[in-house]
Amino acid sequence: MASDEPTEIEIIDEVTAEVVEINQAGAAFVNADTVTVTQGGIQQVEAKHVSITQGGVMAVRADEAQLDNSGAGFIATDSLVVNDSAVGVAVADTIQGDGSVIGVLFAGAIEGQPDVKVDARNAAAFGAGLAVALFVLRRLFSRG
């Protein structure tokens, strides 16, 4: 028999531990040595090792990060592995990935074939073009 009472959902604001495992749940902020997320989500993570499978995270700062069938808004890491995942902005020394989409990538070395929309070279060219356009517009509209 179904109950008409609302289901209570527990929201975890902050977790600090050596090892954190999140399964089909979520947290706002996690600070740990090792973080493993399976079918869950985190707003912000600071850790040495982060592994996310079928989950999502807004911001990651880690030594090593791995995403499998997952999504992330921003990742800053030394080593990033992405498999069939999506990342908005990634900053990494090395990145390895196939079947993944990365919006903006700043990386030292890239292994595999991730679909990168904007890399460091394109971002620099865009910034230089924007600076020139703003300079020209300023000169045009300052003459009166």
C-alpha atoms as a PDB file:
ATOM      1  CA  MET A   1       0.000   0.000   0.000  1.00  0.00           C
ATOM      2  CA  ALA A   2       1.414   3.398  -0.974  1.00  0.00           C
ATOM      3  CA  SER A   3       1.903   6.050   1.645  1.00  0.00           C
ATOM      4  CA  ASP A   4       0.829   9.655   1.100  1.00  0.00           C
ATOM      5  CA  GLU A   5       3.547  10.928   3.451  1.00  0.00           C
ATOM      6  CA  PRO A   6       6.397  12.808   1.751  1.00  0.00           C
ATOM      7  CA  THR A   7       9.730  11.023   1.534  1.00  0.00           C
ATOM      8  CA  GLU A   8      12.382  12.617   3.707  1.00  0.00           C
ATOM      9  CA  ILE A   9      15.646  13.418   1.921  1.00  0.00           C
ATOM     10  CA  GLU A  10      18.813  13.915   3.909  1.00  0.00           C
ATOM     11  CA  ILE A  11      21.138  16.611   2.609  1.00  0.00           C
ATOM     12  CA  ILE A  12      24.767  16.408   3.674  1.00  0.00           C
ATOM     13  CA  ASP A  13      26.404  19.837   3.725  1.00  0.00           C
ATOM     14  CA  GLU A  14      30.055  19.026   4.423  1.00  0.00           C
ATOM     15  CA  VAL A  15      32.081  15.825   4.622  1.00  0.00           C
ATOM     16  CA  THR A  16      35.701  15.658   5.785  1.00  0.00           C
ATOM     17  CA  ALA A  17      37.383  12.251   5.966  1.00  0.00           C
ATOM     18  CA  GLU A  18      40.243  10.188   4.569  1.00  0.00           C
ATOM     19  CA  VAL A  19      37.957   8.091   2.349  1.00  0.00           C
ATOM     20  CA  VAL A  20      34.491   9.135   1.167  1.00  0.00           C
ATOM     21  CA  GLU A  21      32.190   6.874  -0.852  1.00  0.00           C
ATOM     22  CA  ILE A  22      28.921   8.284  -2.150  1.00  0.00           C
ATOM     23  CA  ASN A  23      26.412   5.882  -3.724  1.00  0.00           C
ATOM     24  CA  GLN A  24      23.126   7.238  -5.062  1.00  0.00           C
ATOM     25  CA  ALA A  25      23.408  10.288  -2.819  1.00  0.00           C
ATOM     26  CA  GLY A  26      24.937  13.739  -2.770  1.00  0.00           C
ATOM     27  CA  ALA A  27      26.918  16.248  -0.752  1.00  0.00           C
ATOM     28  CA  ALA A  28      27.652  19.955  -0.945  1.00  0.00           C
ATOM     29  CA  PHE A  29      31.385  19.934  -0.037  1.00  0.00           C
ATOM     30  CA  VAL A  30      33.775  16.988   0.319  1.00  0.00           C
ATOM     31  CA  ASN A  31      37.374  17.203   1.542  1.00  0.00           C
ATOM     32  CA  ALA A  32      39.172  13.845   1.575  1.00  0.00           C
ATOM     33  CA  ASP A  33      42.165  11.868   0.382  1.00  0.00           C
ATOM     34  CA  THR A  34      40.019   9.556  -1.768  1.00  0.00           C
ATOM     35  CA  VAL A  35      36.505  10.281  -3.063  1.00  0.00           C
ATOM     36  CA  THR A  36      34.418   7.744  -4.983  1.00  0.00           C
ATOM     37  CA  VAL A  37      30.999   8.708  -6.365  1.00  0.00           C
ATOM     38  CA  THR A  38      28.636   6.225  -8.017  1.00  0.00           C
ATOM     39  CA  GLN A  39      25.330   7.557  -9.319  1.00  0.00           C
ATOM     40  CA  GLY A  40      25.551  10.612  -7.107  1.00  0.00           C
ATOM     41  CA  GLY A  41      26.661  14.186  -7.061  1.00  0.00           C
ATOM     42  CA  ILE A  42      28.812  16.705  -5.229  1.00  0.00           C
ATOM     43  CA  GLN A  43      28.932  20.461  -5.532  1.00  0.00           C
ATOM     44  CA  GLN A  44      32.618  20.877  -4.605  1.00  0.00           C
ATOM     45  CA  VAL A  45      35.421  18.346  -4.051  1.00  0.00           C
ATOM     46  CA  GLU A  46      38.970  18.772  -2.774  1.00  0.00           C
ATOM     47  CA  ALA A  47      40.890  15.489  -2.723  1.00  0.00           C
ATOM     48  CA  LYS A  48      43.995  13.620  -3.789  1.00  0.00           C
ATOM     49  CA  HIS A  49      42.050  11.012  -5.798  1.00  0.00           C
ATOM     50  CA  VAL A  50      38.543  11.471  -7.227  1.00  0.00           C
ATOM     51  CA  SER A  51      36.589   8.828  -9.146  1.00  0.00           C
ATOM     52  CA  ILE A  52      33.091   9.542 -10.467  1.00  0.00           C
ATOM     53  CA  THR A  53      30.955   6.937 -12.215  1.00  0.00           C
ATOM     54  CA  GLN A  54      27.544   7.891 -13.615  1.00  0.00           C
ATOM     55  CA  GLY A  55      27.516  10.999 -11.466  1.00  0.00           C
ATOM     56  CA  GLY A  56      28.137  14.695 -11.520  1.00  0.00           C
ATOM     57  CA  VAL A  57      30.193  17.334  -9.783  1.00  0.00           C
ATOM     58  CA  MET A  58      30.314  21.115 -10.098  1.00  0.00           C
ATOM     59  CA  ALA A  59      33.967  21.744  -9.111  1.00  0.00           C
ATOM     60  CA  VAL A  60      36.923  19.418  -8.503  1.00  0.00           C
ATOM     61  CA  ARG A  61      40.427  20.172  -7.230  1.00  0.00           C
ATOM     62  CA  ALA A  62      42.437  16.955  -7.077  1.00  0.00           C
ATOM     63  CA  ASP A  63      45.805  15.404  -7.804  1.00  0.00           C
ATOM     64  CA  GLU A  64      44.124  12.699  -9.904  1.00  0.00           C
ATOM     65  CA  ALA A  65      40.573  12.577 -11.255  1.00  0.00           C
ATOM     66  CA  GLN A  66      38.680   9.999 -13.293  1.00  0.00           C
ATOM     67  CA  LEU A  67      35.215  10.387 -14.814  1.00  0.00           C
ATOM     68  CA  ASP A  68      33.284   7.502 -16.351  1.00  0.00           C
ATOM     69  CA  ASN A  69      29.894   8.298 -17.929  1.00  0.00           C
ATOM     70  CA  SER A  70      29.796  11.439 -15.798  1.00  0.00           C
ATOM     71  CA  GLY A  71      29.758  15.214 -15.964  1.00  0.00           C
ATOM     72  CA  ALA A  72      31.714  18.015 -14.313  1.00  0.00           C
ATOM     73  CA  GLY A  73      31.586  21.796 -14.481  1.00  0.00           C
ATOM     74  CA  PHE A  74      35.208  22.617 -13.583  1.00  0.00           C
ATOM     75  CA  ILE A  75      38.183  20.335 -12.911  1.00  0.00           C
ATOM     76  CA  ALA A  76      41.694  21.370 -11.885  1.00  0.00           C
ATOM     77  CA  THR A  77      44.026  18.381 -11.548  1.00  0.00           C
ATOM     78  CA  ASP A  78      47.459  17.019 -12.348  1.00  0.00           C
ATOM     79  CA  SER A  79      46.102  13.930 -14.118  1.00  0.00           C
ATOM     80  CA  LEU A  80      42.615  13.617 -15.646  1.00  0.00           C
ATOM     81  CA  VAL A  81      41.047  10.528 -17.230  1.00  0.00           C
ATOM     82  CA  VAL A  82      37.662  11.000 -18.933  1.00  0.00           C
ATOM     83  CA  ASN A  83      35.678   8.204 -20.553  1.00  0.00           C
ATOM     84  CA  ASP A  84      32.319   8.923 -22.195  1.00  0.00           C
ATOM     85  CA  SER A  85      31.962  12.032 -20.032  1.00  0.00           C
ATOM     86  CA  ALA A  86      31.478  15.780 -20.344  1.00  0.00           C
ATOM     87  CA  VAL A  87      33.496  18.560 -18.699  1.00  0.00           C
ATOM     88  CA  GLY A  88      32.882  22.306 -18.964  1.00  0.00           C
ATOM     89  CA  VAL A  89      36.400  23.549 -18.124  1.00  0.00           C
ATOM     90  CA  ALA A  90      39.412  21.311 -17.454  1.00  0.00           C
ATOM     91  CA  VAL A  91      42.870  22.384 -16.321  1.00  0.00           C
ATOM     92  CA  ALA A  92      45.293  19.457 -16.177  1.00  0.00           C
ATOM     93  CA  ASP A  93      48.942  18.591 -16.678  1.00  0.00           C
ATOM     94  CA  THR A  94      47.915  15.428 -18.532  1.00  0.00           C
ATOM     95  CA  ILE A  95      44.551  14.317 -19.859  1.00  0.00           C
ATOM     96  CA  GLN A  96      43.570  10.959 -21.252  1.00  0.00           C
ATOM     97  CA  GLY A  97      40.194  10.378 -22.779  1.00  0.00           C
ATOM     98  CA  ASP A  98      38.032   9.048 -25.543  1.00  0.00           C
ATOM     99  CA  GLY A  99      34.367   9.569 -26.275  1.00  0.00           C
ATOM    100  CA  SER A 100      34.271  12.650 -24.057  1.00  0.00           C
ATOM    101  CA  VAL A 101      33.427  16.292 -24.668  1.00  0.00           C
ATOM    102  CA  ILE A 102      35.420  19.086 -23.012  1.00  0.00           C
ATOM    103  CA  GLY A 103      34.285  22.677 -23.441  1.00  0.00           C
ATOM    104  CA  VAL A 104      37.526  24.490 -22.586  1.00  0.00           C
ATOM    105  CA  LEU A 105      40.779  22.596 -22.035  1.00  0.00           C
ATOM    106  CA  PHE A 106      44.111  23.830 -20.709  1.00  0.00           C
ATOM    107  CA  ALA A 107      46.434  20.800 -20.717  1.00  0.00           C
ATOM    108  CA  GLY A 108      50.109  20.032 -21.055  1.00  0.00           C
ATOM    109  CA  ALA A 109      49.693  16.622 -22.712  1.00  0.00           C
ATOM    110  CA  ILE A 110      46.653  15.008 -24.326  1.00  0.00           C
ATOM    111  CA  GLU A 111      46.322  11.257 -24.877  1.00  0.00           C
ATOM    112  CA  GLY A 112      43.434   9.811 -26.856  1.00  0.00           C
ATOM    113  CA  GLN A 113      40.848  11.756 -28.820  1.00  0.00           C
ATOM    114  CA  PRO A 114      38.611  13.816 -26.524  1.00  0.00           C
ATOM    115  CA  ASP A 115      36.316  16.259 -28.358  1.00  0.00           C
ATOM    116  CA  VAL A 116      37.764  19.579 -27.208  1.00  0.00           C
ATOM    117  CA  LYS A 117      35.708  22.620 -28.194  1.00  0.00           C
ATOM    118  CA  VAL A 118      38.260  25.289 -27.147  1.00  0.00           C
ATOM    119  CA  ASP A 119      41.878  24.569 -26.252  1.00  0.00           C
ATOM    120  CA  ALA A 120      44.566  26.900 -24.888  1.00  0.00           C
ATOM    121  CA  ARG A 121      45.657  28.012 -28.385  1.00  0.00           C
ATOM    122  CA  ASN A 122      42.115  28.882 -29.439  1.00  0.00           C
ATOM    123  CA  ALA A 123      41.434  30.658 -26.156  1.00  0.00           C
ATOM    124  CA  ALA A 124      44.591  32.773 -26.586  1.00  0.00           C
ATOM    125  CA  ALA A 125      43.671  33.627 -30.184  1.00  0.00           C
ATOM    126  CA  PHE A 126      40.133  34.544 -29.121  1.00  0.00           C
ATOM    127  CA  GLY A 127      41.477  36.736 -26.297  1.00  0.00           C
ATOM    128  CA  ALA A 128      43.895  38.516 -28.649  1.00  0.00           C
ATOM    129  CA  GLY A 129      41.146  39.066 -31.220  1.00  0.00           C
ATOM    130  CA  LEU A 130      38.797  40.397 -28.559  1.00  0.00           C
ATOM    131  CA  ALA A 131      41.476  42.785 -27.260  1.00  0.00           C
ATOM    132  CA  VAL A 132      42.089  44.155 -30.771  1.00  0.00           C
ATOM    133  CA  ALA A 133      38.344  44.527 -31.416  1.00  0.00           C
ATOM    134  CA  LEU A 134      37.826  46.384 -28.131  1.00  0.00           C
ATOM    135  CA  PHE A 135      40.798  48.646 -28.892  1.00  0.00           C
ATOM    136  CA  VAL A 136      39.400  49.492 -32.356  1.00  0.00           C
ATOM    137  CA  LEU A 137      35.892  50.087 -30.985  1.00  0.00           C
ATOM    138  CA  ARG A 138      37.263  52.343 -28.271  1.00  0.00           C
ATOM    139  CA  ARG A 139      39.206  54.368 -30.828  1.00  0.00           C
ATOM    140  CA  LEU A 140      36.164  54.657 -33.125  1.00  0.00           C
ATOM    141  CA  PHE A 141      33.779  55.792 -30.416  1.00  0.00           C
ATOM    142  CA  SER A 142      36.208  58.078 -28.585  1.00  0.00           C
ATOM    143  CA  ARG A 143      36.528  60.355 -31.626  1.00  0.00           C
ATOM    144  CA  GLY A 144      33.670  62.656 -31.570  1.00  0.00           C
END
